[in-house]
C-alpha cells in the first residue's frame, strides 16, 4: 500500500523528491502518513479534498484483498 500512495503522490506534485510515506501497521490496521512539500499540499488535496479522497479510495480498494483497514493522513 505504501508504494501505491508514493507513486500516486509523486505523479501529482512538483517536488517528487520531497514525498515521504511512513507506514505503521498493526494486525488489522495500516496507518500511512503522506508528507509533501508545503507548496504541493493543494495538488495532493485538490478542490474540496477530491484528490485526497480518490487516493484514499484507491488504497482502500487495494486493501480489501488483505482484509485490513487503511488510514491515509496527509501532512506538510
PDB file of N, CA and C in Angstrom:
ATOM      1  N   UNK A   1       0.811  -1.192   0.000  1.00  0.00           N
ATOM      2  CA  UNK A   1       0.000   0.000   0.000  1.00  0.00           C
ATOM      3  C   UNK A   1       0.860   1.263   0.000  1.00  0.00           C
ATOM      4  N   UNK A   2       1.964   1.190   0.728  1.00  0.00           N
ATOM      5  CA  UNK A   2       2.859   2.336   0.816  1.00  0.00           C
ATOM      6  C   UNK A   2       3.348   2.747  -0.572  1.00  0.00           C
ATOM      7  N   UNK A   3       3.687   1.776  -1.389  1.00  0.00           N
ATOM      8  CA  UNK A   3       4.197   2.060  -2.720  1.00  0.00           C
ATOM      9  C   UNK A   3       3.140   2.714  -3.613  1.00  0.00           C
ATOM     10  N   UNK A   4       1.899   2.282  -3.468  1.00  0.00           N
ATOM     11  CA  UNK A   4       0.806   2.845  -4.263  1.00  0.00           C
ATOM     12  C   UNK A   4       0.629   4.325  -3.944  1.00  0.00           C
ATOM     13  N   UNK A   5       0.603   4.665  -2.670  1.00  0.00           N
ATOM     14  CA  UNK A   5       0.443   6.067  -2.257  1.00  0.00           C
ATOM     15  C   UNK A   5       1.631   6.892  -2.738  1.00  0.00           C
ATOM     16  N   UNK A   6       2.823   6.332  -2.623  1.00  0.00           N
ATOM     17  CA  UNK A   6       4.021   7.056  -3.037  1.00  0.00           C
ATOM     18  C   UNK A   6       4.018   7.331  -4.540  1.00  0.00           C
ATOM     19  N   UNK A   7       3.659   6.367  -5.340  1.00  0.00           N
ATOM     20  CA  UNK A   7       3.607   6.543  -6.792  1.00  0.00           C
ATOM     21  C   UNK A   7       2.562   7.589  -7.180  1.00  0.00           C
ATOM     22  N   UNK A   8       1.381   7.506  -6.569  1.00  0.00           N
ATOM     23  CA  UNK A   8       0.321   8.474  -6.874  1.00  0.00           C
ATOM     24  C   UNK A   8       0.738   9.894  -6.489  1.00  0.00           C
ATOM     25  N   UNK A   9       1.315  10.043  -5.303  1.00  0.00           N
ATOM     26  CA  UNK A   9       1.695  11.372  -4.828  1.00  0.00           C
ATOM     27  C   UNK A   9       2.814  11.963  -5.679  1.00  0.00           C
ATOM     28  N   UNK A  10       3.803  11.156  -6.032  1.00  0.00           N
ATOM     29  CA  UNK A  10       4.913  11.667  -6.842  1.00  0.00           C
ATOM     30  C   UNK A  10       4.442  12.105  -8.230  1.00  0.00           C
ATOM     31  N   UNK A  11       3.406  11.469  -8.743  1.00  0.00           N
ATOM     32  CA  UNK A  11       2.871  11.854 -10.045  1.00  0.00           C
ATOM     33  C   UNK A  11       2.121  13.187  -9.982  1.00  0.00           C
ATOM     34  N   UNK A  12       1.645  13.565  -8.805  1.00  0.00           N
ATOM     35  CA  UNK A  12       0.831  14.775  -8.668  1.00  0.00           C
ATOM     36  C   UNK A  12       1.629  16.034  -8.354  1.00  0.00           C
ATOM     37  N   UNK A  13       2.756  15.907  -7.674  1.00  0.00           N
ATOM     38  CA  UNK A  13       3.455  17.069  -7.118  1.00  0.00           C
ATOM     39  C   UNK A  13       4.566  17.584  -8.033  1.00  0.00           C
ATOM     40  N   UNK A  14       5.029  18.809  -7.748  1.00  0.00           N
ATOM     41  CA  UNK A  14       6.149  19.407  -8.468  1.00  0.00           C
ATOM     42  C   UNK A  14       7.495  18.978  -7.882  1.00  0.00           C
ATOM     43  N   UNK A  15       7.504  18.591  -6.609  1.00  0.00           N
ATOM     44  CA  UNK A  15       8.727  18.189  -5.913  1.00  0.00           C
ATOM     45  C   UNK A  15       8.629  16.725  -5.478  1.00  0.00           C
ATOM     46  N   UNK A  16       8.760  15.778  -6.411  1.00  0.00           N
ATOM     47  CA  UNK A  16       8.586  14.365  -6.039  1.00  0.00           C
ATOM     48  C   UNK A  16       9.649  13.850  -5.091  1.00  0.00           C
ATOM     49  N   UNK A  17      10.808  14.519  -5.035  1.00  0.00           N
ATOM     50  CA  UNK A  17      11.855  14.080  -4.115  1.00  0.00           C
ATOM     51  C   UNK A  17      11.517  14.378  -2.654  1.00  0.00           C
ATOM     52  N   UNK A  18      10.523  15.230  -2.405  1.00  0.00           N
ATOM     53  CA  UNK A  18      10.127  15.566  -1.037  1.00  0.00           C
ATOM     54  C   UNK A  18       8.915  14.766  -0.559  1.00  0.00           C
ATOM     55  N   UNK A  19       8.482  13.795  -1.341  1.00  0.00           N
ATOM     56  CA  UNK A  19       7.361  12.947  -0.949  1.00  0.00           C
ATOM     57  C   UNK A  19       7.886  11.847  -0.035  1.00  0.00           C
ATOM     58  N   UNK A  20       7.293  11.760   1.149  1.00  0.00           N
ATOM     59  CA  UNK A  20       7.674  10.741   2.129  1.00  0.00           C
ATOM     60  C   UNK A  20       6.415  10.035   2.588  1.00  0.00           C
ATOM     61  N   UNK A  21       6.439   8.706   2.585  1.00  0.00           N
ATOM     62  CA  UNK A  21       5.316   7.916   3.068  1.00  0.00           C
ATOM     63  C   UNK A  21       5.822   7.020   4.188  1.00  0.00           C
ATOM     64  N   UNK A  22       5.290   7.230   5.388  1.00  0.00           N
ATOM     65  CA  UNK A  22       5.620   6.394   6.545  1.00  0.00           C
ATOM     66  C   UNK A  22       4.473   5.438   6.795  1.00  0.00           C
ATOM     67  N   UNK A  23       4.811   4.222   7.188  1.00  0.00           N
ATOM     68  CA  UNK A  23       3.791   3.198   7.417  1.00  0.00           C
ATOM     69  C   UNK A  23       3.930   2.619   8.812  1.00  0.00           C
ATOM     70  N   UNK A  24       2.812   2.585   9.523  1.00  0.00           N
ATOM     71  CA  UNK A  24       2.717   1.917  10.819  1.00  0.00           C
ATOM     72  C   UNK A  24       1.601   0.893  10.704  1.00  0.00           C
ATOM     73  N   UNK A  25       1.917  -0.352  10.989  1.00  0.00           N
ATOM     74  CA  UNK A  25       0.927  -1.409  10.803  1.00  0.00           C
ATOM     75  C   UNK A  25       0.702  -2.169  12.098  1.00  0.00           C
ATOM     76  N   UNK A  26      -0.562  -2.496  12.325  1.00  0.00           N
ATOM     77  CA  UNK A  26      -0.930  -3.419  13.383  1.00  0.00           C
ATOM     78  C   UNK A  26      -1.544  -4.636  12.701  1.00  0.00           C
ATOM     79  N   UNK A  27      -2.132  -5.510  13.477  1.00  0.00           N
ATOM     80  CA  UNK A  27      -2.693  -6.733  12.907  1.00  0.00           C
ATOM     81  C   UNK A  27      -3.807  -6.452  11.911  1.00  0.00           C
ATOM     82  N   UNK A  28      -4.683  -5.499  12.210  1.00  0.00           N
ATOM     83  CA  UNK A  28      -5.850  -5.241  11.365  1.00  0.00           C
ATOM     84  C   UNK A  28      -5.837  -3.872  10.675  1.00  0.00           C
ATOM     85  N   UNK A  29      -4.908  -2.993  11.048  1.00  0.00           N
ATOM     86  CA  UNK A  29      -4.926  -1.624  10.547  1.00  0.00           C
ATOM     87  C   UNK A  29      -3.549  -1.216  10.021  1.00  0.00           C
ATOM     88  N   UNK A  30      -3.563  -0.490   8.920  1.00  0.00           N
ATOM     89  CA  UNK A  30      -2.339   0.103   8.380  1.00  0.00           C
ATOM     90  C   UNK A  30      -2.552   1.613   8.342  1.00  0.00           C
ATOM     91  N   UNK A  31      -1.625   2.346   8.964  1.00  0.00           N
ATOM     92  CA  UNK A  31      -1.706   3.802   9.006  1.00  0.00           C
ATOM     93  C   UNK A  31      -0.587   4.355   8.130  1.00  0.00           C
ATOM     94  N   UNK A  32      -0.948   5.084   7.070  1.00  0.00           N
ATOM     95  CA  UNK A  32       0.017   5.681   6.163  1.00  0.00           C
ATOM     96  C   UNK A  32       0.037   7.185   6.372  1.00  0.00           C
ATOM     97  N   UNK A  33       1.225   7.736   6.539  1.00  0.00           N
ATOM     98  CA  UNK A  33       1.410   9.168   6.739  1.00  0.00           C
ATOM     99  C   UNK A  33       2.121   9.724   5.505  1.00  0.00           C
ATOM    100  N   UNK A  34       1.407  10.486   4.683  1.00  0.00           N
ATOM    101  CA  UNK A  34       1.962  11.075   3.471  1.00  0.00           C
ATOM    102  C   UNK A  34       2.409  12.494   3.777  1.00  0.00           C
ATOM    103  N   UNK A  35       3.687  12.777   3.521  1.00  0.00           N
ATOM    104  CA  UNK A  35       4.234  14.109   3.748  1.00  0.00           C
ATOM    105  C   UNK A  35       4.739  14.657   2.420  1.00  0.00           C
ATOM    106  N   UNK A  36       4.307  15.876   2.086  1.00  0.00           N
ATOM    107  CA  UNK A  36       4.736  16.541   0.856  1.00  0.00           C
ATOM    108  C   UNK A  36       5.210  17.947   1.190  1.00  0.00           C
ATOM    109  N   UNK A  37       5.849  18.598   0.221  1.00  0.00           N
ATOM    110  CA  UNK A  37       6.293  19.983   0.390  1.00  0.00           C
ATOM    111  C   UNK A  37       5.073  20.889   0.582  1.00  0.00           C
ATOM    112  N   UNK A  38       5.220  21.946   1.371  1.00  0.00           N
ATOM    113  CA  UNK A  38       4.074  22.848   1.617  1.00  0.00           C
ATOM    114  C   UNK A  38       3.434  23.396   0.347  1.00  0.00           C
ATOM    115  N   UNK A  39       4.232  23.676  -0.675  1.00  0.00           N
ATOM    116  CA  UNK A  39       3.659  24.234  -1.908  1.00  0.00           C
ATOM    117  C   UNK A  39       2.914  23.185  -2.727  1.00  0.00           C
ATOM    118  N   UNK A  40       3.058  21.913  -2.388  1.00  0.00           N
ATOM    119  CA  UNK A  40       2.368  20.843  -3.103  1.00  0.00           C
ATOM    120  C   UNK A  40       1.112  20.345  -2.396  1.00  0.00           C
ATOM    121  N   UNK A  41       0.800  20.887  -1.245  1.00  0.00           N
ATOM    122  CA  UNK A  41      -0.363  20.419  -0.483  1.00  0.00           C
ATOM    123  C   UNK A  41      -1.656  20.551  -1.280  1.00  0.00           C
ATOM    124  N   UNK A  42      -1.829  21.649  -1.961  1.00  0.00           N
ATOM    125  CA  UNK A  42      -3.051  21.861  -2.743  1.00  0.00           C
ATOM    126  C   UNK A  42      -3.210  20.854  -3.867  1.00  0.00           C
ATOM    127  N   UNK A  43      -2.111  20.433  -4.450  1.00  0.00           N
ATOM    128  CA  UNK A  43      -2.159  19.471  -5.548  1.00  0.00           C
ATOM    129  C   UNK A  43      -2.525  18.080  -5.060  1.00  0.00           C
ATOM    130  N   UNK A  44      -2.111  17.751  -3.853  1.00  0.00           N
ATOM    131  CA  UNK A  44      -2.406  16.427  -3.304  1.00  0.00           C
ATOM    132  C   UNK A  44      -3.822  16.385  -2.728  1.00  0.00           C
ATOM    133  N   UNK A  45      -4.279  17.487  -2.163  1.00  0.00           N
ATOM    134  CA  UNK A  45      -5.611  17.520  -1.567  1.00  0.00           C
ATOM    135  C   UNK A  45      -6.677  17.780  -2.634  1.00  0.00           C
ATOM    136  N   UNK A  46      -6.443  18.717  -3.531  1.00  0.00           N
ATOM    137  CA  UNK A  46      -7.403  19.024  -4.590  1.00  0.00           C
ATOM    138  C   UNK A  46      -8.554  19.870  -4.084  1.00  0.00           C
ATOM    139  N   UNK A  47      -9.397  20.298  -5.009  1.00  0.00           N
ATOM    140  CA  UNK A  47     -10.549  21.114  -4.635  1.00  0.00           C
ATOM    141  C   UNK A  47     -11.516  20.288  -3.813  1.00  0.00           C
ATOM    142  N   UNK A  48     -11.870  20.827  -2.663  1.00  0.00           N
ATOM    143  CA  UNK A  48     -12.797  20.193  -1.730  1.00  0.00           C
ATOM    144  C   UNK A  48     -12.343  18.789  -1.332  1.00  0.00           C
ATOM    145  N   UNK A  49     -11.024  18.524  -1.409  1.00  0.00           N
ATOM    146  CA  UNK A  49     -10.480  17.246  -0.973  1.00  0.00           C
ATOM    147  C   UNK A  49     -10.720  16.087  -1.922  1.00  0.00           C
ATOM    148  N   UNK A  50     -11.050  16.382  -3.168  1.00  0.00           N
ATOM    149  CA  UNK A  50     -11.396  15.313  -4.106  1.00  0.00           C
ATOM    150  C   UNK A  50     -10.207  14.415  -4.448  1.00  0.00           C
ATOM    151  N   UNK A  51      -9.022  14.989  -4.616  1.00  0.00           N
ATOM    152  CA  UNK A  51      -7.841  14.179  -4.932  1.00  0.00           C
ATOM    153  C   UNK A  51      -7.478  13.311  -3.729  1.00  0.00           C
ATOM    154  N   UNK A  52      -7.499  13.891  -2.527  1.00  0.00           N
ATOM    155  CA  UNK A  52      -7.189  13.132  -1.315  1.00  0.00           C
ATOM    156  C   UNK A  52      -8.171  11.979  -1.130  1.00  0.00           C
ATOM    157  N   UNK A  53      -9.443  12.236  -1.365  1.00  0.00           N
ATOM    158  CA  UNK A  53     -10.444  11.175  -1.243  1.00  0.00           C
ATOM    159  C   UNK A  53     -10.242  10.093  -2.297  1.00  0.00           C
ATOM    160  N   UNK A  54      -9.816  10.482  -3.495  1.00  0.00           N
ATOM    161  CA  UNK A  54      -9.555   9.499  -4.550  1.00  0.00           C
ATOM    162  C   UNK A  54      -8.375   8.607  -4.176  1.00  0.00           C
ATOM    163  N   UNK A  55      -7.328   9.204  -3.615  1.00  0.00           N
ATOM    164  CA  UNK A  55      -6.175   8.410  -3.166  1.00  0.00           C
ATOM    165  C   UNK A  55      -6.610   7.431  -2.097  1.00  0.00           C
ATOM    166  N   UNK A  56      -7.386   7.901  -1.136  1.00  0.00           N
ATOM    167  CA  UNK A  56      -7.862   7.020  -0.060  1.00  0.00           C
ATOM    168  C   UNK A  56      -8.725   5.891  -0.617  1.00  0.00           C
ATOM    169  N   UNK A  57      -9.579   6.186  -1.591  1.00  0.00           N
ATOM    170  CA  UNK A  57     -10.448   5.171  -2.185  1.00  0.00           C
ATOM    171  C   UNK A  57      -9.644   4.095  -2.896  1.00  0.00           C
ATOM    172  N   UNK A  58      -8.644   4.506  -3.656  1.00  0.00           N
ATOM    173  CA  UNK A  58      -7.800   3.540  -4.374  1.00  0.00           C
ATOM    174  C   UNK A  58      -7.074   2.628  -3.400  1.00  0.00           C
ATOM    175  N   UNK A  59      -6.514   3.198  -2.355  1.00  0.00           N
ATOM    176  CA  UNK A  59      -5.756   2.408  -1.377  1.00  0.00           C
ATOM    177  C   UNK A  59      -6.683   1.473  -0.607  1.00  0.00           C
ATOM    178  N   UNK A  60      -7.854   1.952  -0.238  1.00  0.00           N
ATOM    179  CA  UNK A  60      -8.805   1.100   0.479  1.00  0.00           C
ATOM    180  C   UNK A  60      -9.283  -0.054  -0.393  1.00  0.00           C
ATOM    181  N   UNK A  61      -9.486   0.206  -1.681  1.00  0.00           N
ATOM    182  CA  UNK A  61      -9.904  -0.858  -2.588  1.00  0.00           C
ATOM    183  C   UNK A  61      -8.815  -1.915  -2.702  1.00  0.00           C
ATOM    184  N   UNK A  62      -7.573  -1.503  -2.729  1.00  0.00           N
ATOM    185  CA  UNK A  62      -6.462  -2.453  -2.794  1.00  0.00           C
ATOM    186  C   UNK A  62      -6.310  -3.231  -1.484  1.00  0.00           C
ATOM    187  N   UNK A  63      -6.698  -2.630  -0.368  1.00  0.00           N
ATOM    188  CA  UNK A  63      -6.541  -3.268   0.938  1.00  0.00           C
ATOM    189  C   UNK A  63      -7.632  -4.289   1.234  1.00  0.00           C
ATOM    190  N   UNK A  64      -8.721  -4.256   0.514  1.00  0.00           N
ATOM    191  CA  UNK A  64      -9.815  -5.195   0.746  1.00  0.00           C
ATOM    192  C   UNK A  64      -9.316  -6.629   0.585  1.00  0.00           C
ATOM    193  N   UNK A  65      -8.412  -6.820  -0.355  1.00  0.00           N
ATOM    194  CA  UNK A  65      -7.843  -8.137  -0.614  1.00  0.00           C
ATOM    195  C   UNK A  65      -7.141  -8.692   0.637  1.00  0.00           C
ATOM    196  N   UNK A  66      -6.480  -7.831   1.391  1.00  0.00           N
ATOM    197  CA  UNK A  66      -5.763  -8.245   2.593  1.00  0.00           C
ATOM    198  C   UNK A  66      -6.659  -8.309   3.826  1.00  0.00           C
ATOM    199  N   UNK A  67      -7.854  -7.757   3.738  1.00  0.00           N
ATOM    200  CA  UNK A  67      -8.751  -7.733   4.886  1.00  0.00           C
ATOM    201  C   UNK A  67      -8.303  -6.774   5.967  1.00  0.00           C
ATOM    202  N   UNK A  68      -7.613  -5.717   5.574  1.00  0.00           N
ATOM    203  CA  UNK A  68      -7.110  -4.735   6.529  1.00  0.00           C
ATOM    204  C   UNK A  68      -7.803  -3.394   6.336  1.00  0.00           C
ATOM    205  N   UNK A  69      -7.728  -2.578   7.354  1.00  0.00           N
ATOM    206  CA  UNK A  69      -8.269  -1.217   7.308  1.00  0.00           C
ATOM    207  C   UNK A  69      -7.096  -0.276   7.055  1.00  0.00           C
ATOM    208  N   UNK A  70      -7.264   0.650   6.127  1.00  0.00           N
ATOM    209  CA  UNK A  70      -6.208   1.591   5.761  1.00  0.00           C
ATOM    210  C   UNK A  70      -6.616   2.998   6.155  1.00  0.00           C
ATOM    211  N   UNK A  71      -5.694   3.721   6.783  1.00  0.00           N
ATOM    212  CA  UNK A  71      -5.897   5.125   7.131  1.00  0.00           C
ATOM    213  C   UNK A  71      -4.789   5.906   6.453  1.00  0.00           C
ATOM    214  N   UNK A  72      -5.153   6.926   5.662  1.00  0.00           N
ATOM    215  CA  UNK A  72      -4.172   7.759   4.976  1.00  0.00           C
ATOM    216  C   UNK A  72      -4.312   9.178   5.495  1.00  0.00           C
ATOM    217  N   UNK A  73      -3.235   9.696   6.084  1.00  0.00           N
ATOM    218  CA  UNK A  73      -3.175  11.091   6.541  1.00  0.00           C
ATOM    219  C   UNK A  73      -2.192  11.847   5.669  1.00  0.00           C
ATOM    220  N   UNK A  74      -2.499  13.118   5.391  1.00  0.00           N
ATOM    221  CA  UNK A  74      -1.656  13.948   4.549  1.00  0.00           C
ATOM    222  C   UNK A  74      -1.164  15.134   5.377  1.00  0.00           C
ATOM    223  N   UNK A  75       0.155  15.312   5.409  1.00  0.00           N
ATOM    224  CA  UNK A  75       0.781  16.421   6.155  1.00  0.00           C
ATOM    225  C   UNK A  75       1.757  17.132   5.263  1.00  0.00           C
ATOM    226  N   UNK A  76       2.173  18.308   5.742  1.00  0.00           N
ATOM    227  CA  UNK A  76       3.219  19.039   5.026  1.00  0.00           C
ATOM    228  C   UNK A  76       4.478  19.078   5.836  1.00  0.00           C
TER     229      UNK A  76
END
